[in-house]
N, C-alpha and C. Protein backbone atom coordinates (compact mmCIF):
# COMPACT_ATOMS: atom_id res chain seq x y z
N MET A 1 242.44 -25.72 151.26
CA MET A 1 243.18 -24.85 150.38
C MET A 1 242.57 -24.87 148.97
N ARG A 2 242.21 -26.07 148.51
CA ARG A 2 241.63 -26.22 147.17
C ARG A 2 240.28 -25.51 147.07
N ILE A 3 239.48 -25.57 148.13
CA ILE A 3 238.18 -24.92 148.14
C ILE A 3 238.36 -23.41 148.11
N ASP A 4 239.32 -22.88 148.85
CA ASP A 4 239.59 -21.44 148.84
C ASP A 4 239.99 -20.96 147.44
N LEU A 5 240.82 -21.74 146.78
CA LEU A 5 241.26 -21.39 145.43
C LEU A 5 240.08 -21.43 144.46
N THR A 6 239.23 -22.44 144.58
CA THR A 6 238.05 -22.56 143.71
C THR A 6 237.09 -21.38 143.92
N ILE A 7 236.87 -21.00 145.15
CA ILE A 7 235.98 -19.88 145.45
C ILE A 7 236.58 -18.58 144.92
N ALA A 8 237.88 -18.41 145.07
CA ALA A 8 238.54 -17.21 144.57
C ALA A 8 238.43 -17.12 143.04
N ILE A 9 238.64 -18.23 142.36
CA ILE A 9 238.52 -18.25 140.89
C ILE A 9 237.09 -17.96 140.47
N LEU A 10 236.13 -18.54 141.15
CA LEU A 10 234.72 -18.29 140.84
C LEU A 10 234.37 -16.81 141.05
N PHE A 11 234.84 -16.23 142.14
CA PHE A 11 234.58 -14.82 142.42
C PHE A 11 235.18 -13.92 141.35
N VAL A 12 236.41 -14.17 140.96
CA VAL A 12 237.07 -13.37 139.93
C VAL A 12 236.35 -13.53 138.59
N SER A 13 235.91 -14.74 138.28
CA SER A 13 235.17 -14.98 137.03
C SER A 13 233.86 -14.22 137.00
N LEU A 14 233.11 -14.26 138.10
CA LEU A 14 231.83 -13.55 138.16
C LEU A 14 232.03 -12.05 138.10
N LEU A 15 233.05 -11.55 138.76
CA LEU A 15 233.34 -10.12 138.73
C LEU A 15 233.71 -9.68 137.32
N GLY A 16 234.51 -10.46 136.63
CA GLY A 16 234.89 -10.14 135.25
C GLY A 16 233.70 -10.19 134.32
N ALA A 17 232.82 -11.17 134.50
CA ALA A 17 231.65 -11.30 133.64
C ALA A 17 230.67 -10.15 133.87
N SER A 18 230.53 -9.70 135.11
CA SER A 18 229.60 -8.61 135.37
C SER A 18 230.10 -7.30 134.79
N SER A 19 231.40 -7.07 134.77
CA SER A 19 231.91 -5.83 134.20
C SER A 19 231.83 -5.85 132.68
N VAL A 20 231.91 -7.01 132.07
CA VAL A 20 231.78 -7.12 130.62
C VAL A 20 230.35 -6.87 130.18
N SER A 21 229.38 -7.35 130.95
CA SER A 21 227.98 -7.20 130.57
C SER A 21 227.33 -5.97 131.19
N ALA A 22 228.12 -5.08 131.77
CA ALA A 22 227.57 -3.89 132.40
C ALA A 22 226.95 -2.97 131.36
N GLN A 23 225.91 -2.29 131.75
CA GLN A 23 225.21 -1.39 130.85
C GLN A 23 226.00 -0.09 130.73
N THR A 24 226.23 0.35 129.49
CA THR A 24 227.02 1.56 129.27
C THR A 24 226.17 2.75 128.84
N VAL A 25 224.92 2.53 128.50
CA VAL A 25 224.04 3.60 128.04
C VAL A 25 223.21 4.09 129.22
N VAL A 26 223.16 5.39 129.40
CA VAL A 26 222.36 5.98 130.47
C VAL A 26 220.99 6.34 129.90
N LEU A 27 219.96 5.78 130.47
CA LEU A 27 218.59 6.01 130.00
C LEU A 27 217.72 6.53 131.14
N ALA A 28 216.78 7.36 130.79
CA ALA A 28 215.80 7.82 131.77
C ALA A 28 214.42 7.43 131.24
N ASN A 29 213.67 6.80 132.08
CA ASN A 29 212.32 6.37 131.72
C ASN A 29 211.33 7.15 132.55
N ARG A 30 210.42 7.85 131.91
CA ARG A 30 209.37 8.56 132.64
C ARG A 30 208.02 8.11 132.10
N THR A 31 207.15 7.75 132.98
CA THR A 31 205.82 7.31 132.59
C THR A 31 204.79 8.17 133.30
N THR A 32 203.81 8.62 132.55
CA THR A 32 202.73 9.42 133.12
C THR A 32 201.40 8.80 132.71
N ALA A 33 200.61 8.46 133.67
CA ALA A 33 199.28 7.92 133.38
C ALA A 33 198.31 9.09 133.19
N CYS A 34 197.53 9.01 132.15
CA CYS A 34 196.59 10.09 131.91
C CYS A 34 195.35 9.54 131.21
N THR A 35 194.33 10.38 131.13
CA THR A 35 193.11 10.04 130.42
C THR A 35 192.76 11.18 129.48
N LEU A 36 191.97 10.86 128.48
CA LEU A 36 191.51 11.88 127.54
C LEU A 36 190.20 12.49 128.05
N ASN A 37 190.14 13.79 127.98
CA ASN A 37 188.90 14.46 128.33
C ASN A 37 187.85 14.20 127.24
N PRO A 38 186.58 14.26 127.60
CA PRO A 38 185.53 14.07 126.58
C PRO A 38 185.71 15.05 125.43
N ALA A 39 185.43 14.61 124.24
CA ALA A 39 185.48 15.39 123.00
C ALA A 39 186.90 15.51 122.44
N TYR A 40 187.91 14.88 123.08
CA TYR A 40 189.28 14.87 122.54
C TYR A 40 189.61 13.48 122.02
N THR A 41 190.47 13.42 121.02
CA THR A 41 190.86 12.14 120.42
C THR A 41 192.37 11.96 120.56
N MET A 42 192.85 10.78 120.20
CA MET A 42 194.29 10.53 120.19
C MET A 42 194.99 11.43 119.18
N ALA A 43 194.30 11.80 118.12
CA ALA A 43 194.88 12.73 117.14
C ALA A 43 195.19 14.08 117.79
N ASP A 44 194.32 14.53 118.69
CA ASP A 44 194.58 15.77 119.43
C ASP A 44 195.81 15.63 120.33
N VAL A 45 195.94 14.47 120.96
CA VAL A 45 197.09 14.22 121.83
C VAL A 45 198.38 14.23 121.02
N VAL A 46 198.37 13.56 119.88
CA VAL A 46 199.56 13.50 119.03
C VAL A 46 199.92 14.89 118.53
N GLU A 47 198.94 15.66 118.12
CA GLU A 47 199.20 17.03 117.65
C GLU A 47 199.83 17.88 118.75
N THR A 48 199.30 17.77 119.96
CA THR A 48 199.85 18.53 121.09
C THR A 48 201.29 18.10 121.37
N ALA A 49 201.54 16.80 121.35
CA ALA A 49 202.89 16.30 121.63
C ALA A 49 203.88 16.74 120.55
N ARG A 50 203.46 16.73 119.31
CA ARG A 50 204.36 17.15 118.23
C ARG A 50 204.66 18.64 118.27
N ASN A 51 203.75 19.44 118.78
CA ASN A 51 203.95 20.89 118.84
C ASN A 51 204.62 21.36 120.13
N PHE A 52 204.90 20.43 121.05
CA PHE A 52 205.50 20.80 122.32
C PHE A 52 206.95 21.21 122.10
N GLU A 53 207.37 22.31 122.73
CA GLU A 53 208.74 22.81 122.60
C GLU A 53 209.65 22.14 123.63
N TRP A 54 210.69 21.47 123.16
CA TRP A 54 211.67 20.82 124.02
C TRP A 54 213.00 21.55 123.90
N SER A 55 213.72 21.66 125.01
CA SER A 55 215.08 22.21 124.93
C SER A 55 216.00 21.10 124.44
N GLU A 56 217.17 21.45 123.98
CA GLU A 56 218.13 20.47 123.47
C GLU A 56 218.49 19.42 124.53
N ASP A 57 218.59 19.84 125.78
CA ASP A 57 219.04 18.95 126.83
C ASP A 57 217.96 17.97 127.31
N THR A 58 216.70 18.35 127.17
CA THR A 58 215.63 17.51 127.72
C THR A 58 214.75 16.84 126.68
N ALA A 59 215.05 17.01 125.41
CA ALA A 59 214.21 16.42 124.36
C ALA A 59 214.28 14.89 124.43
N PRO A 60 213.12 14.23 124.44
CA PRO A 60 213.13 12.76 124.48
C PRO A 60 213.48 12.18 123.11
N GLY A 61 214.06 11.00 123.13
CA GLY A 61 214.37 10.30 121.89
C GLY A 61 213.13 9.62 121.33
N VAL A 62 212.26 9.14 122.21
CA VAL A 62 211.06 8.41 121.80
C VAL A 62 209.92 8.82 122.72
N VAL A 63 208.75 9.05 122.14
CA VAL A 63 207.53 9.30 122.91
C VAL A 63 206.50 8.29 122.44
N VAL A 64 205.97 7.51 123.37
CA VAL A 64 205.01 6.47 123.04
C VAL A 64 203.69 6.80 123.73
N MET A 65 202.60 6.74 122.97
CA MET A 65 201.28 7.01 123.53
C MET A 65 200.36 5.86 123.20
């Protein structure tokens, strides 16, 4: 009986702790591997990325190159 009670308390504690530390922010991570063509620089890549048109719904918060 004591073991059952201990297991039940442990289960409830773990369940409570997992709901407290649950992630509330929804994030999407997309990674694309690419290479630069000859005669292009990272400055060209940055310029292209800054001039790209994003819709309000799909605009990324951060772009890392």
